[in-house]
Protein backbone atom coordinates (compact mmCIF):
# COMPACT_ATOMS: atom_id res chain seq x y z
CA UNK A 1 91.02 120.24 67.11
CA UNK A 2 93.55 117.69 68.29
CA UNK A 3 97.00 118.95 69.12
CA UNK A 4 100.12 117.34 67.89
CA UNK A 5 103.55 117.39 69.12
CA UNK A 6 106.30 119.24 67.33
CA UNK A 7 110.06 119.50 67.63
CA UNK A 8 111.13 122.69 69.36
CA UNK A 9 113.87 124.58 70.66
CA UNK A 10 114.15 126.22 74.18
CA UNK A 11 114.18 129.84 75.01
CA UNK A 12 117.69 129.66 76.00
CA UNK A 13 118.58 128.47 72.57
CA UNK A 14 120.55 125.53 73.93
CA UNK A 15 121.02 123.33 70.82
CA UNK A 16 121.97 120.25 72.71
CA UNK A 17 118.83 120.26 74.73
CA UNK A 18 116.38 120.73 71.70
CA UNK A 19 113.35 118.40 71.75
CA UNK A 20 113.42 116.08 68.85
CA UNK A 21 110.60 113.36 69.06
CA UNK A 22 111.29 109.77 67.92
CA UNK A 23 108.54 107.70 66.15
CA UNK A 24 107.72 104.37 67.70
CA UNK A 25 109.65 101.27 66.69
CA UNK A 26 110.21 97.94 68.35
CA UNK A 27 109.34 97.04 71.87
CA UNK A 28 106.20 97.88 74.12
CA UNK A 29 107.39 99.76 77.09
CA UNK A 30 110.39 102.32 77.60
CA UNK A 31 110.16 103.47 81.30
CA UNK A 32 111.21 107.03 81.78
CA UNK A 33 112.32 107.89 85.25
CA UNK A 34 113.24 111.61 86.06
CA UNK A 35 115.20 111.66 89.38
CA UNK A 36 117.01 113.71 91.72
CA UNK A 37 118.58 112.30 94.86
CA UNK A 38 116.88 108.96 94.78
CA UNK A 39 119.97 106.86 95.59
CA UNK A 40 118.15 105.44 98.73
CA UNK A 41 115.16 104.25 96.65
CA UNK A 42 116.65 103.02 93.44
CA UNK A 43 117.81 99.60 94.73
CA UNK A 44 114.20 98.62 95.25
CA UNK A 45 112.74 100.78 92.23
CA UNK A 46 114.85 99.74 89.41
CA UNK A 47 114.80 95.92 89.34
CA UNK A 48 111.17 95.47 88.86
CA UNK A 49 111.09 97.99 86.11
CA UNK A 50 114.13 96.46 84.34
CA UNK A 51 112.42 93.15 84.61
CA UNK A 52 109.36 94.41 82.67
CA UNK A 53 110.28 97.18 80.36
CA UNK A 54 112.16 96.59 76.99
CA UNK A 55 114.25 99.78 77.81
CA UNK A 56 114.69 102.11 80.81
CA UNK A 57 115.69 105.79 80.58
CA UNK A 58 116.93 107.45 83.72
CA UNK A 59 117.27 111.20 83.47
CA UNK A 60 119.30 112.57 86.40
CA UNK A 61 118.59 116.26 87.32
CA UNK A 62 121.73 117.19 89.38
CA UNK A 63 121.67 114.64 92.05
CA UNK A 64 124.43 115.11 94.65
CA UNK A 65 123.84 111.67 96.61
CA UNK A 66 125.42 109.46 94.01
CA UNK A 67 121.98 108.50 92.16
CA UNK A 68 123.73 107.84 88.79
CA UNK A 69 126.30 105.47 90.43
CA UNK A 70 123.78 103.58 92.18
CA UNK A 71 121.54 103.30 89.13
CA UNK A 72 124.47 101.95 87.03
CA UNK A 73 125.23 99.48 89.83
CA UNK A 74 121.80 98.07 89.97
CA UNK A 75 121.51 97.93 86.29
CA UNK A 76 124.70 95.91 85.99
CA UNK A 77 123.56 93.55 88.80
CA UNK A 78 120.45 92.96 86.80
CA UNK A 79 122.31 92.14 83.55
CA UNK A 80 120.39 95.00 81.80
CA UNK A 81 123.20 97.37 80.71
CA UNK A 82 122.24 97.04 77.00
CA UNK A 83 118.64 98.12 77.85
CA UNK A 84 119.42 101.32 80.10
CA UNK A 85 120.28 104.70 79.14
CA UNK A 86 121.50 107.40 81.53
CA UNK A 87 120.80 110.95 80.75
CA UNK A 88 121.94 114.07 82.56
CA UNK A 89 119.67 117.22 82.59
CA UNK A 90 121.93 119.95 84.23
CA UNK A 91 119.46 122.66 84.64
CA UNK A 92 117.65 123.78 87.84
CA UNK A 93 113.94 122.82 87.35
CA UNK A 94 111.07 124.99 88.67
CA UNK A 95 109.48 123.34 91.67
CA UNK A 96 105.84 122.28 91.54
CA UNK A 97 103.39 125.05 92.42
CA UNK A 98 104.07 128.71 92.05
CA UNK A 99 107.45 128.46 90.68
CA UNK A 100 106.15 126.03 87.79
CA UNK A 101 103.39 128.43 87.07
CA UNK A 102 105.75 131.46 86.79
CA UNK A 103 108.20 129.66 84.32
CA UNK A 104 107.56 129.72 80.50
CA UNK A 105 106.78 126.12 79.30
CA UNK A 106 109.63 126.38 76.65
CA UNK A 107 112.44 127.34 79.01
CA UNK A 108 114.91 124.61 80.06
CA UNK A 109 113.89 125.29 83.66
CA UNK A 110 110.28 124.36 83.12
CA UNK A 111 108.72 121.00 84.36
CA UNK A 112 106.98 120.96 81.03
CA UNK A 113 110.12 121.39 78.87
CA UNK A 114 112.08 118.92 81.09
CA UNK A 115 109.33 116.29 80.61
CA UNK A 116 109.08 116.82 76.79
CA UNK A 117 112.88 116.45 76.43
CA UNK A 118 113.20 113.39 78.67
CA UNK A 119 110.03 111.61 76.88
CA UNK A 120 111.52 112.47 73.36
CA UNK A 121 114.07 109.85 73.71
CA UNK A 122 111.63 107.04 73.81
CA UNK A 123 111.61 104.80 70.68
CA UNK A 124 109.17 102.08 71.75
CA UNK A 125 105.24 101.76 71.23
CA UNK A 126 104.57 103.16 74.72
CA UNK A 127 105.83 105.72 77.12
CA UNK A 128 106.03 104.45 80.66
CA UNK A 129 106.23 107.39 83.13
CA UNK A 130 107.77 106.10 86.47
CA UNK A 131 109.13 107.97 89.44
CA UNK A 132 112.29 107.24 91.25
CA UNK A 133 110.45 106.31 94.39
CA UNK A 134 107.83 103.99 93.03
CA UNK A 135 108.28 100.16 93.57
CA UNK A 136 106.55 97.51 91.64
CA UNK A 137 104.91 94.79 93.77
CA UNK A 138 105.34 91.29 92.43
CA UNK A 139 101.74 91.39 91.36
CA UNK A 140 102.64 94.56 89.59
CA UNK A 141 105.41 93.10 87.51
CA UNK A 142 102.91 90.19 86.50
CA UNK A 143 100.30 92.71 85.57
CA UNK A 144 102.69 94.66 83.20
CA UNK A 145 103.89 91.57 81.54
CA UNK A 146 100.38 90.32 81.03
CA UNK A 147 99.43 93.82 79.76
CA UNK A 148 101.97 93.56 76.85
CA UNK A 149 99.93 91.13 74.62
CA UNK A 150 96.74 93.00 75.16
CA UNK A 151 98.36 96.33 73.90
CA UNK A 152 99.13 94.57 70.65
CA UNK A 153 95.53 95.05 69.69
CA UNK A 154 94.64 98.42 71.10
CA UNK A 155 95.89 101.82 72.02
CA UNK A 156 95.13 102.38 75.77
CA UNK A 157 96.16 104.64 78.67
CA UNK A 158 97.21 102.63 81.67
CA UNK A 159 96.01 103.85 85.13
CA UNK A 160 98.18 102.39 87.96
CA UNK A 161 96.92 102.43 91.65
CA UNK A 162 99.77 103.80 93.91
CA UNK A 163 99.83 103.91 97.76
CA UNK A 164 102.12 105.76 99.70
CA UNK A 165 104.36 103.95 102.18
CA UNK A 166 106.35 105.77 104.91
CA UNK A 167 109.55 104.13 105.85
CA UNK A 168 110.65 104.48 109.46
CA UNK A 169 113.46 101.77 109.46
CA UNK A 170 114.56 98.49 107.74
CA UNK A 171 111.85 96.64 109.80
CA UNK A 172 109.00 99.15 110.13
CA UNK A 173 106.85 101.11 107.52
CA UNK A 174 103.49 102.78 107.45
CA UNK A 175 101.04 102.14 104.54
CA UNK A 176 98.38 104.57 104.02
CA UNK A 177 95.16 102.89 102.53
CA UNK A 178 93.12 106.12 102.82
CA UNK A 179 95.24 107.83 100.05
CA UNK A 180 95.29 105.96 96.76
CA UNK A 181 96.25 107.61 93.50
CA UNK A 182 95.14 106.01 90.23
CA UNK A 183 96.70 108.27 87.65
CA UNK A 184 97.84 107.47 84.18
CA UNK A 185 101.38 105.97 83.92
CA UNK A 186 101.65 104.79 80.45
CA UNK A 187 100.15 105.71 77.21
CA UNK A 188 100.91 105.30 73.39
CA UNK A 189 103.97 107.05 71.65
CA UNK A 190 102.01 109.00 69.13
CA UNK A 191 102.21 112.30 67.57
CA UNK A 192 99.41 113.43 69.70
CA UNK A 193 101.28 112.70 72.95
CA UNK A 194 103.30 115.38 74.86
CA UNK A 195 103.23 117.55 77.81
CA UNK A 196 101.51 120.83 78.40
CA UNK A 197 101.83 123.30 81.24
CA UNK A 198 99.09 122.93 83.97
CA UNK A 199 98.69 124.99 87.36
CA UNK A 200 100.96 123.11 89.70
CA UNK A 201 102.73 120.71 87.38
CA UNK A 202 103.20 119.34 83.88
CA UNK A 203 100.15 117.52 82.19
CA UNK A 204 100.22 114.76 79.65
CA UNK A 205 98.10 114.77 76.48
CA UNK A 206 97.16 111.92 74.38
CA UNK A 207 94.85 110.84 71.37
CA UNK A 208 91.15 111.19 71.93
CA UNK A 209 89.07 108.10 72.30
CA UNK A 210 91.65 105.79 73.91
CA UNK A 211 90.70 102.93 75.88
CA UNK A 212 91.57 103.38 79.63
CA UNK A 213 92.92 100.18 81.41
CA UNK A 214 93.43 99.88 85.27
CA UNK A 215 95.79 97.63 86.79
CA UNK A 216 95.13 95.83 90.06
CA UNK A 217 95.05 97.64 93.33
CA UNK A 218 98.43 96.36 94.72
CA UNK A 219 100.52 97.04 91.73
CA UNK A 220 102.91 99.67 93.29
CA UNK A 221 103.74 101.75 96.13
CA UNK A 222 105.62 105.09 96.74
CA UNK A 223 108.46 105.32 99.27
CA UNK A 224 108.41 108.22 101.59
CA UNK A 225 111.48 108.22 103.83
CA UNK A 226 110.86 109.59 107.39
CA UNK A 227 113.59 111.87 108.19
CA UNK A 228 114.13 112.98 104.71
CA UNK A 229 112.79 116.30 103.04
CA UNK A 230 110.07 114.48 100.91
CA UNK A 231 108.45 117.86 99.84
CA UNK A 232 111.54 119.69 98.59
CA UNK A 233 110.33 119.68 94.94
CA UNK A 234 107.45 122.00 95.92
CA UNK A 235 107.65 125.76 95.97
CA UNK A 236 105.42 125.95 99.01
CA UNK A 237 103.73 123.41 101.09
CA UNK A 238 100.22 124.84 102.08
CA UNK A 239 98.62 122.14 100.09
CA UNK A 240 95.27 123.01 101.54
CA UNK A 241 94.74 126.16 99.31
CA UNK A 242 93.39 124.16 96.39
CA UNK A 243 91.54 120.72 95.69
CA UNK A 244 94.13 119.91 93.13
CA UNK A 245 96.72 119.33 95.85
CA UNK A 246 94.45 117.42 98.24
CA UNK A 247 96.63 114.28 97.81
CA UNK A 248 99.68 116.22 98.88
CA UNK A 249 97.91 117.62 101.84
CA UNK A 250 97.09 114.07 102.97
CA UNK A 251 100.80 113.12 102.51
CA UNK A 252 101.96 116.18 104.42
CA UNK A 253 99.47 115.32 107.13
CA UNK A 254 100.51 111.54 107.55
CA UNK A 255 104.31 112.11 107.15
CA UNK A 256 104.40 114.55 110.09
CA UNK A 257 101.93 112.64 112.18
CA UNK A 258 103.91 109.40 111.78
CA UNK A 259 107.21 111.18 112.35
CA UNK A 260 105.92 112.39 115.55
CA UNK A 261 104.57 108.96 116.77
CA UNK A 262 100.95 109.27 115.77
CA UNK A 263 99.20 106.93 113.43
CA UNK A 264 96.23 108.55 111.52
CA UNK A 265 93.06 106.55 110.54
CA UNK A 266 93.58 104.51 107.65
CA UNK A 267 97.32 104.06 108.19
CA UNK A 268 98.71 100.63 108.91
CA UNK A 269 101.97 99.87 110.77
CA UNK A 270 103.75 97.13 108.68
CA UNK A 271 106.58 95.33 110.57
CA UNK A 272 109.05 92.96 109.08
CA UNK A 273 109.84 89.81 111.12
CA UNK A 274 113.63 90.67 110.61
CA UNK A 275 114.52 88.29 107.83
CA UNK A 276 114.15 90.77 105.10
CA UNK A 277 113.72 94.52 104.56
CA UNK A 278 110.14 95.90 105.06
CA UNK A 279 110.17 97.04 101.45
CA UNK A 280 110.84 93.61 100.24
CA UNK A 281 107.85 92.27 102.42
CA UNK A 282 105.59 94.88 101.05
CA UNK A 283 106.48 93.77 97.44
CA UNK A 284 104.90 90.17 98.40
CA UNK A 285 101.38 89.24 97.50
CA UNK A 286 100.43 88.60 101.00
CA UNK A 287 101.01 92.38 101.77
CA UNK A 288 97.92 93.14 99.54
CA UNK A 289 95.72 92.19 102.48
CA UNK A 290 96.43 95.72 103.93
CA UNK A 291 94.63 97.12 100.79
CA UNK A 292 92.10 94.62 99.73
CA UNK A 293 90.76 93.87 103.20
CA UNK A 294 90.66 97.40 104.53
C-alpha cells in the first residue's frame, strides 16, 4: 500500500511549526536549501539556483556567520527578491548518525521533521532539494533549463551527479573524481512525496513507477573548505562502521590527506591562473575534462 503524506503536529506541540502541505500550483521547480553557517559558499551556490528555479526557499537553522544576510544580499544582486523566501528554523536539529536515530521523527529536533516542515512550503510542480554548498556548473544550469519542458509530459525523479571539491585557497582546489554521488535531487510535489526516518539521515519517498532521469556528469560540485569543520553535522565520524556511510568515509580520507599535503589517487589539483576564483573556473565547461577524461 502506498503511503501518503499528512499534515501533522510536532511532539512539542509548537503550533507555529506544524507541517501543512501545499498542493502543486504554477511553476516547475522550487529549490529548498536547508542551511547552517554557509555564508562562505552561498555567493557561488545561490546565483545558479536562482537563474534556474522559479522560486527558492532558504531555511536557516541557527547560523551565526551571517548566512541570512549574505543570502539576502546575493538575492538582491540577482534581482530575484520576489522569488525568494527566507525561513528561520530555530531548533537544534539532531546530527546525522546516532543522534538522528535516537530522535523521534515527529520532534522538531528531528532531521525528518525539519525536512518535512521545510519542503511543506513548496507550491510548484517539483521539489528541488539543494544544499548550501552545492554549486551548479554552467552545463548544470543549461541541463535544468532544458529539463523543464520534458517534465511537462512526465513525472520523474531527477538524479544529479555531484563531485566533492576541496577548496584550499582562491586559486587552488582539489577535485575528487573517484567519489561521485548520483542521488535524487528533485521529484514531483505529490501527496505520496514526503520524508521518513532512516538510520543515519532522512529518506525521501515518492510515488511508485516514476521515470528516473539523470543529468550530465558535470552538473554540480560540492564545496569542502579546508580548514573548516566539514563534518560537524555528524554525531560521530567513524564512517567505516557501515557501508551506508562509505561516501563519507572517502570524504574524511581525502579531506585530511589533502589538508596534510597528500593527494590521494583520483584527486586532481585544479589551479586558477589568477584572473578568477578557482570555483568560477570549475563552473566552466572546460573543467569537465577532469571528470570525462579521467
